[in-house]
């Protein structure tokens, strides 16, 4: 059995499952039997449990099912295509109740490599026995953002192959196992080359698309508010109230919309540590969600890197407002000594 972290790419996969929130794993066995019975001969792979995060559900956003040969038609089971994603994988043997311990080992590897987790966990059951819950053999997978690969795709899209080769130079040696300080050094060098050949709008266009994929379910919840009111400030009010009641404690720098400028920032990764932080390094460690910047010893990276975080907000607002953002200014950045990161989106057009 594998006992070290491995890199797995899940190609697009036709998947049939039951997606319904759970509060306990005890809810899964009857669903597993149901989806197995319904999928029958269409099953072409092991049982898979998927957990998704940052979706507006009560409990855990759970989907249990199987890869299938063709679509399974049922009111209880939904067939859809899982997107291509990168994962770190580690085998787990024993009770499913202790899978979290194995998953945490994967996240420790992510920290060492400076890679940020995507919002999906997979449990691939290579041996599942409902009668012997302590004898499961599960491949635990935690998704991550393959930053260099996505960055290269965006460089090609905006600048073409010649400029991409120059800017991405050295990226071919960066792997999912490259340690954080070597990775951040390459990122810093690449961004300097990017700045030589692009303007601010191009930098925003490229880097804001090198972001984690935001769950559409969270976006649609707020789109309903905008569709009903046509008022951006109603969304800001709803988000601020929700966050004040959460462990984040709300925004360090409140969102606002005035005179065609949407001013956005982000919450702290660890609000308690952030409130207690005194040095720039302590602030960075407590504030940044970006694993690369948070875990590097002394990241000397150009602040345009924070356009990546702006991409998280871009994915939220563009579908809601029905526009494509073209102009964005980084007003504050941890990378230039500020205590938080913030952006102004110009919506005048």
Protein backbone atom coordinates (compact mmCIF):
# COMPACT_ATOMS: atom_id res chain seq x y z
CA UNK A 1 0.00 0.00 0.00
CA UNK A 2 1.27 3.49 -0.89
CA UNK A 3 2.59 5.30 2.17
CA UNK A 4 3.78 8.55 0.61
CA UNK A 5 2.03 11.51 -0.95
CA UNK A 6 1.57 11.15 -4.71
CA UNK A 7 0.39 13.52 -7.44
CA UNK A 8 -2.79 12.43 -9.25
CA UNK A 9 -4.54 14.14 -12.17
CA UNK A 10 -8.23 13.37 -12.45
CA UNK A 11 -9.18 13.73 -16.08
CA UNK A 12 -12.77 14.65 -16.99
CA UNK A 13 -14.91 11.84 -15.60
CA UNK A 14 -18.56 10.93 -16.14
CA UNK A 15 -19.91 10.47 -12.63
CA UNK A 16 -23.25 9.37 -11.20
CA UNK A 17 -23.98 10.14 -7.58
CA UNK A 18 -26.31 11.32 -4.85
CA UNK A 19 -25.37 14.83 -3.75
CA UNK A 20 -26.98 15.77 -0.47
CA UNK A 21 -25.59 17.40 2.70
CA UNK A 22 -24.63 15.17 5.61
CA UNK A 23 -23.84 15.86 9.25
CA UNK A 24 -22.45 12.39 9.94
CA UNK A 25 -20.90 9.54 7.94
CA UNK A 26 -23.58 7.31 9.41
CA UNK A 27 -25.92 8.75 6.77
CA UNK A 28 -23.85 7.33 3.90
CA UNK A 29 -24.35 3.50 3.91
CA UNK A 30 -27.99 3.54 2.72
CA UNK A 31 -27.09 6.07 0.00
CA UNK A 32 -24.17 3.91 -1.10
CA UNK A 33 -26.44 0.90 -1.52
CA UNK A 34 -29.02 2.98 -3.36
CA UNK A 35 -26.59 4.49 -5.86
CA UNK A 36 -24.97 1.09 -6.42
CA UNK A 37 -28.34 -0.50 -7.17
CA UNK A 38 -29.38 2.30 -9.54
CA UNK A 39 -26.08 2.50 -11.46
CA UNK A 40 -25.72 -1.28 -11.80
CA UNK A 41 -23.86 -2.33 -14.94
CA UNK A 42 -22.96 1.27 -15.81
CA UNK A 43 -20.39 1.39 -12.96
CA UNK A 44 -16.80 1.45 -14.21
CA UNK A 45 -14.71 2.30 -11.19
CA UNK A 46 -14.54 2.23 -7.39
CA UNK A 47 -16.93 3.92 -5.00
CA UNK A 48 -16.11 7.63 -4.59
CA UNK A 49 -17.11 10.11 -1.89
CA UNK A 50 -16.67 13.81 -2.79
CA UNK A 51 -16.77 16.65 -0.26
CA UNK A 52 -17.07 20.23 -1.54
CA UNK A 53 -16.48 23.39 0.47
CA UNK A 54 -17.66 27.03 0.49
CA UNK A 55 -21.12 26.01 -0.67
CA UNK A 56 -24.20 27.26 1.22
CA UNK A 57 -25.36 24.02 2.88
CA UNK A 58 -26.20 22.95 6.41
CA UNK A 59 -23.56 20.36 7.26
CA UNK A 60 -21.07 18.88 4.76
CA UNK A 61 -21.66 19.10 1.00
CA UNK A 62 -21.42 15.38 0.21
CA UNK A 63 -21.74 13.41 -3.02
CA UNK A 64 -21.43 9.62 -3.07
CA UNK A 65 -21.33 7.65 -6.31
CA UNK A 66 -19.38 5.95 -9.10
CA UNK A 67 -17.63 6.69 -12.38
CA UNK A 68 -20.01 5.39 -15.06
CA UNK A 69 -19.90 4.33 -18.72
CA UNK A 70 -22.93 6.40 -19.70
CA UNK A 71 -25.54 8.64 -18.11
CA UNK A 72 -27.76 7.07 -15.46
CA UNK A 73 -31.31 8.42 -15.53
CA UNK A 74 -32.91 8.58 -12.09
CA UNK A 75 -34.70 11.12 -9.92
CA UNK A 76 -32.39 10.15 -7.06
CA UNK A 77 -29.06 9.89 -8.88
CA UNK A 78 -27.57 12.70 -10.96
CA UNK A 79 -25.05 12.13 -13.77
CA UNK A 80 -22.56 14.87 -14.59
CA UNK A 81 -18.94 15.38 -15.65
CA UNK A 82 -16.31 15.98 -13.00
CA UNK A 83 -13.81 18.57 -14.24
CA UNK A 84 -10.11 17.92 -14.67
CA UNK A 85 -8.31 18.57 -11.37
CA UNK A 86 -4.97 18.01 -9.68
CA UNK A 87 -4.83 16.13 -6.37
CA UNK A 88 -2.34 14.99 -3.79
CA UNK A 89 -3.11 11.42 -2.78
CA UNK A 90 -2.35 9.28 0.28
CA UNK A 91 -3.67 5.81 1.15
CA UNK A 92 -5.69 5.29 4.32
CA UNK A 93 -6.45 1.90 5.88
CA UNK A 94 -8.89 1.51 8.76
CA UNK A 95 -12.02 3.34 9.84
CA UNK A 96 -13.38 6.11 7.64
CA UNK A 97 -13.88 8.09 10.84
CA UNK A 98 -10.10 8.67 11.03
CA UNK A 99 -9.61 9.75 7.41
CA UNK A 100 -9.15 13.33 8.59
CA UNK A 101 -5.77 12.35 10.11
CA UNK A 102 -4.58 11.16 6.69
CA UNK A 103 -5.98 14.26 4.98
CA UNK A 104 -4.07 16.54 7.36
CA UNK A 105 -0.81 14.86 6.28
CA UNK A 106 -1.62 15.85 2.70
CA UNK A 107 -2.27 19.45 3.74
CA UNK A 108 1.08 19.52 5.52
CA UNK A 109 2.67 18.52 2.20
CA UNK A 110 0.81 21.37 0.49
CA UNK A 111 2.21 23.83 3.00
CA UNK A 112 5.76 22.60 2.39
CA UNK A 113 5.31 23.06 -1.36
CA UNK A 114 3.44 26.38 -1.18
CA UNK A 115 0.43 25.10 -3.11
CA UNK A 116 -3.12 26.19 -2.28
CA UNK A 117 -5.97 23.69 -1.82
CA UNK A 118 -8.91 23.74 -4.17
CA UNK A 119 -12.35 23.28 -2.61
CA UNK A 120 -12.78 19.54 -3.14
CA UNK A 121 -11.76 16.38 -1.30
CA UNK A 122 -12.14 12.89 -2.74
CA UNK A 123 -12.25 9.53 -0.99
CA UNK A 124 -11.74 6.64 -3.42
CA UNK A 125 -12.78 3.37 -1.79
CA UNK A 126 -10.55 0.59 -3.11
CA UNK A 127 -12.10 -1.70 -0.50
CA UNK A 128 -15.50 -0.93 1.01
CA UNK A 129 -17.23 -3.31 3.41
CA UNK A 130 -20.31 -1.94 5.20
CA UNK A 131 -20.11 -4.82 7.69
CA UNK A 132 -16.50 -4.04 8.69
CA UNK A 133 -16.24 -0.28 8.91
CA UNK A 134 -12.76 -0.47 10.45
CA UNK A 135 -11.29 -2.31 7.45
CA UNK A 136 -11.75 0.22 4.66
CA UNK A 137 -8.96 0.91 2.17
CA UNK A 138 -9.39 4.48 0.96
CA UNK A 139 -7.29 6.63 -1.33
CA UNK A 140 -7.63 10.09 0.18
CA UNK A 141 -7.24 12.92 -2.32
CA UNK A 142 -7.00 16.65 -1.63
CA UNK A 143 -7.26 18.94 -4.65
CA UNK A 144 -4.81 21.77 -5.26
CA UNK A 145 -4.38 24.62 -7.73
CA UNK A 146 -1.67 23.64 -10.25
CA UNK A 147 -0.44 27.24 -10.42
CA UNK A 148 2.31 26.99 -13.06
CA UNK A 149 0.10 25.06 -15.49
CA UNK A 150 -2.81 27.51 -15.24
CA UNK A 151 -0.45 30.51 -15.38
CA UNK A 152 1.10 29.19 -18.60
CA UNK A 153 -2.34 28.71 -20.17
CA UNK A 154 -3.27 32.32 -19.41
CA UNK A 155 0.05 33.65 -20.73
CA UNK A 156 -0.57 31.81 -23.99
CA UNK A 157 -4.13 33.13 -24.21
CA UNK A 158 -3.16 36.79 -23.76
CA UNK A 159 0.41 37.05 -25.07
CA UNK A 160 0.97 34.16 -27.47
CA UNK A 161 3.72 31.50 -27.53
CA UNK A 162 6.83 33.68 -28.01
CA UNK A 163 6.26 35.89 -24.97
CA UNK A 164 5.02 32.91 -22.95
CA UNK A 165 8.30 31.02 -23.45
CA UNK A 166 10.25 34.03 -22.17
CA UNK A 167 8.04 34.81 -19.16
CA UNK A 168 7.46 31.19 -18.11
CA UNK A 169 11.17 30.34 -18.36
CA UNK A 170 12.14 27.85 -15.65
CA UNK A 171 8.55 26.77 -15.06
CA UNK A 172 9.27 23.40 -16.67
CA UNK A 173 11.37 22.54 -13.60
CA UNK A 174 8.62 23.42 -11.11
CA UNK A 175 6.70 20.31 -10.01
CA UNK A 176 4.03 19.61 -7.36
CA UNK A 177 6.91 18.55 -5.10
CA UNK A 178 9.02 21.71 -5.49
CA UNK A 179 9.46 23.23 -2.01
CA UNK A 180 7.91 26.57 -1.19
CA UNK A 181 11.01 28.80 -1.16
CA UNK A 182 12.24 27.54 -4.54
CA UNK A 183 8.71 27.93 -5.93
CA UNK A 184 8.32 31.49 -4.67
CA UNK A 185 11.72 32.46 -6.11
CA UNK A 186 10.62 31.29 -9.56
CA UNK A 187 7.28 33.09 -9.24
CA UNK A 188 9.05 36.34 -8.32
CA UNK A 189 11.41 36.09 -11.31
CA UNK A 190 8.57 35.24 -13.70
CA UNK A 191 6.45 38.18 -12.51
CA UNK A 192 9.35 40.57 -13.13
CA UNK A 193 9.52 39.31 -16.72
CA UNK A 194 5.72 39.60 -16.98
CA UNK A 195 5.87 43.26 -15.94
CA UNK A 196 8.42 44.02 -18.68
CA UNK A 197 6.07 42.87 -21.44
CA UNK A 198 2.55 43.77 -20.21
CA UNK A 199 0.42 46.66 -19.04
CA UNK A 200 -1.79 46.73 -15.93
CA UNK A 201 -4.90 45.52 -17.75
CA UNK A 202 -3.03 42.50 -19.15
CA UNK A 203 -1.54 41.67 -15.76
CA UNK A 204 -5.01 41.71 -14.24
CA UNK A 205 -6.45 39.65 -17.10
CA UNK A 206 -3.75 36.96 -16.76
CA UNK A 207 -3.26 36.69 -13.01
CA UNK A 208 -6.87 37.08 -11.89
CA UNK A 209 -7.66 33.92 -13.87
CA UNK A 210 -4.98 31.99 -11.98
CA UNK A 211 -7.32 31.62 -9.01
CA UNK A 212 -9.21 28.92 -7.19
CA UNK A 213 -12.51 28.00 -8.84
CA UNK A 214 -15.37 29.51 -6.86
CA UNK A 215 -18.50 27.36 -6.22
CA UNK A 216 -21.40 28.52 -8.39
CA UNK A 217 -23.85 27.66 -5.58
CA UNK A 218 -22.42 30.44 -3.38
CA UNK A 219 -22.57 32.95 -6.24
CA UNK A 220 -26.19 32.19 -7.12
CA UNK A 221 -27.33 32.81 -3.55
CA UNK A 222 -26.26 36.45 -3.86
CA UNK A 223 -27.27 36.82 -7.50
CA UNK A 224 -30.86 36.34 -6.34
CA UNK A 225 -30.45 39.42 -4.13
CA UNK A 226 -29.15 41.50 -7.04
CA UNK A 227 -31.78 40.26 -9.46
CA UNK A 228 -34.48 41.24 -6.96
CA UNK A 229 -33.07 44.66 -6.02
CA UNK A 230 -30.58 45.76 -8.70
CA UNK A 231 -28.55 47.19 -5.81
CA UNK A 232 -24.88 46.24 -5.32
CA UNK A 233 -24.97 47.60 -1.78
CA UNK A 234 -27.63 45.06 -0.79
CA UNK A 235 -25.16 42.29 -1.59
CA UNK A 236 -22.41 44.04 0.35
CA UNK A 237 -24.71 44.39 3.36
CA UNK A 238 -25.73 40.72 3.22
CA UNK A 239 -22.14 39.52 2.98
CA UNK A 240 -20.89 41.80 5.73
CA UNK A 241 -23.63 40.69 8.12
CA UNK A 242 -22.97 37.02 7.39
CA UNK A 243 -19.23 37.38 7.93
CA UNK A 244 -19.59 39.36 11.17
CA UNK A 245 -21.31 36.33 12.66
CA UNK A 246 -18.60 33.93 11.44
CA UNK A 247 -15.15 33.10 12.91
CA UNK A 248 -13.58 35.54 10.41
CA UNK A 249 -15.13 38.46 12.25
CA UNK A 250 -15.88 40.25 9.00
CA UNK A 251 -13.69 42.27 6.66
CA UNK A 252 -10.58 44.07 7.91
CA UNK A 253 -11.30 46.70 5.25
CA UNK A 254 -15.06 46.83 4.53
CA UNK A 255 -16.37 46.47 0.98
CA UNK A 256 -18.04 49.50 -0.58
CA UNK A 257 -19.45 50.68 -3.88
CA UNK A 258 -19.41 54.34 -4.85
CA UNK A 259 -19.09 56.37 -8.07
CA UNK A 260 -18.64 53.32 -10.33
CA UNK A 261 -15.83 51.90 -8.16
CA UNK A 262 -16.29 48.60 -6.37
CA UNK A 263 -13.78 48.47 -3.50
CA UNK A 264 -13.15 44.91 -2.29
CA UNK A 265 -10.81 43.27 0.17
CA UNK A 266 -10.71 39.93 1.96
CA UNK A 267 -11.03 38.42 5.39
CA UNK A 268 -8.04 37.13 7.35
CA UNK A 269 -7.00 33.48 7.07
CA UNK A 270 -6.82 33.33 10.87
CA UNK A 271 -8.59 36.31 12.46
CA UNK A 272 -7.48 35.58 16.04
CA UNK A 273 -3.81 35.39 15.03
CA UNK A 274 -4.22 38.44 12.81
CA UNK A 275 -5.63 40.54 15.66
CA UNK A 276 -2.67 39.49 17.83
CA UNK A 277 0.01 39.91 15.12
CA UNK A 278 2.67 42.57 15.65
CA UNK A 279 5.36 42.04 13.00
CA UNK A 280 4.95 42.10 9.19
CA UNK A 281 5.73 38.36 9.07
CA UNK A 282 3.11 37.61 11.72
CA UNK A 283 0.55 39.67 9.82
CA UNK A 284 1.37 37.89 6.54
CA UNK A 285 1.16 34.45 8.18
CA UNK A 286 -2.22 35.25 9.71
CA UNK A 287 -3.78 37.17 6.81
CA UNK A 288 -2.86 35.44 3.55
CA UNK A 289 -4.98 32.59 2.21
CA UNK A 290 -2.32 32.05 -0.47
CA UNK A 291 -0.21 29.16 0.83
CA UNK A 292 2.80 30.29 -1.22
CA UNK A 293 2.98 33.74 0.38
CA UNK A 294 1.91 32.55 3.82
CA UNK A 295 4.48 29.74 4.09
CA UNK A 296 7.53 31.24 2.33
CA UNK A 297 10.28 32.52 4.64
CA UNK A 298 10.73 35.94 3.02
CA UNK A 299 8.70 36.27 -0.18
CA UNK A 300 10.02 39.14 -2.32
CA UNK A 301 7.19 38.98 -4.82
CA UNK A 302 5.74 41.89 -6.78
CA UNK A 303 2.30 42.99 -5.45
CA UNK A 304 0.73 42.25 -8.86
CA UNK A 305 0.65 38.68 -7.54
CA UNK A 306 -2.38 39.81 -5.51
CA UNK A 307 -4.39 39.95 -8.75
CA UNK A 308 -4.77 36.20 -8.15
CA UNK A 309 -6.80 36.91 -5.03
CA UNK A 310 -8.73 39.54 -6.99
CA UNK A 311 -9.74 36.70 -9.28
CA UNK A 312 -11.71 35.08 -6.44
CA UNK A 313 -13.85 38.22 -6.16
CA UNK A 314 -14.02 38.55 -9.95
CA UNK A 315 -15.63 35.11 -10.23
CA UNK A 316 -18.24 36.23 -7.71
CA UNK A 317 -19.20 39.60 -9.17
CA UNK A 318 -19.07 39.05 -12.94
CA UNK A 319 -21.97 36.53 -13.03
CA UNK A 320 -23.98 38.64 -10.59
CA UNK A 321 -23.60 41.92 -12.49
CA UNK A 322 -23.49 40.36 -15.96
CA UNK A 323 -20.29 42.19 -16.93
CA UNK A 324 -16.64 41.33 -17.56
CA UNK A 325 -14.21 43.29 -15.39
CA UNK A 326 -11.49 44.99 -17.44
CA UNK A 327 -9.76 47.35 -15.01
CA UNK A 328 -8.59 46.69 -11.48
CA UNK A 329 -6.16 48.56 -9.25
CA UNK A 330 -4.44 46.97 -6.25
CA UNK A 331 -4.81 49.64 -3.57
CA UNK A 332 -3.33 47.65 -0.67
CA UNK A 333 -1.14 44.56 -0.50
CA UNK A 334 0.61 42.56 2.18
CA UNK A 335 3.44 42.27 -0.37
CA UNK A 336 4.11 46.01 -0.23
CA UNK A 337 3.89 46.30 3.55
CA UNK A 338 0.18 47.00 4.04
CA UNK A 339 -1.83 45.20 6.73
CA UNK A 340 -4.36 43.81 4.26
CA UNK A 341 -4.98 43.37 0.53
CA UNK A 342 -7.65 45.35 -1.36
CA UNK A 343 -8.66 46.17 -4.93
CA UNK A 344 -10.68 48.79 -6.78
CA UNK A 345 -12.67 47.56 -9.79
CA UNK A 346 -13.52 50.29 -12.30
CA UNK A 347 -17.11 49.66 -13.43
CA UNK A 348 -17.55 52.95 -15.30
CA UNK A 349 -17.70 51.11 -18.65
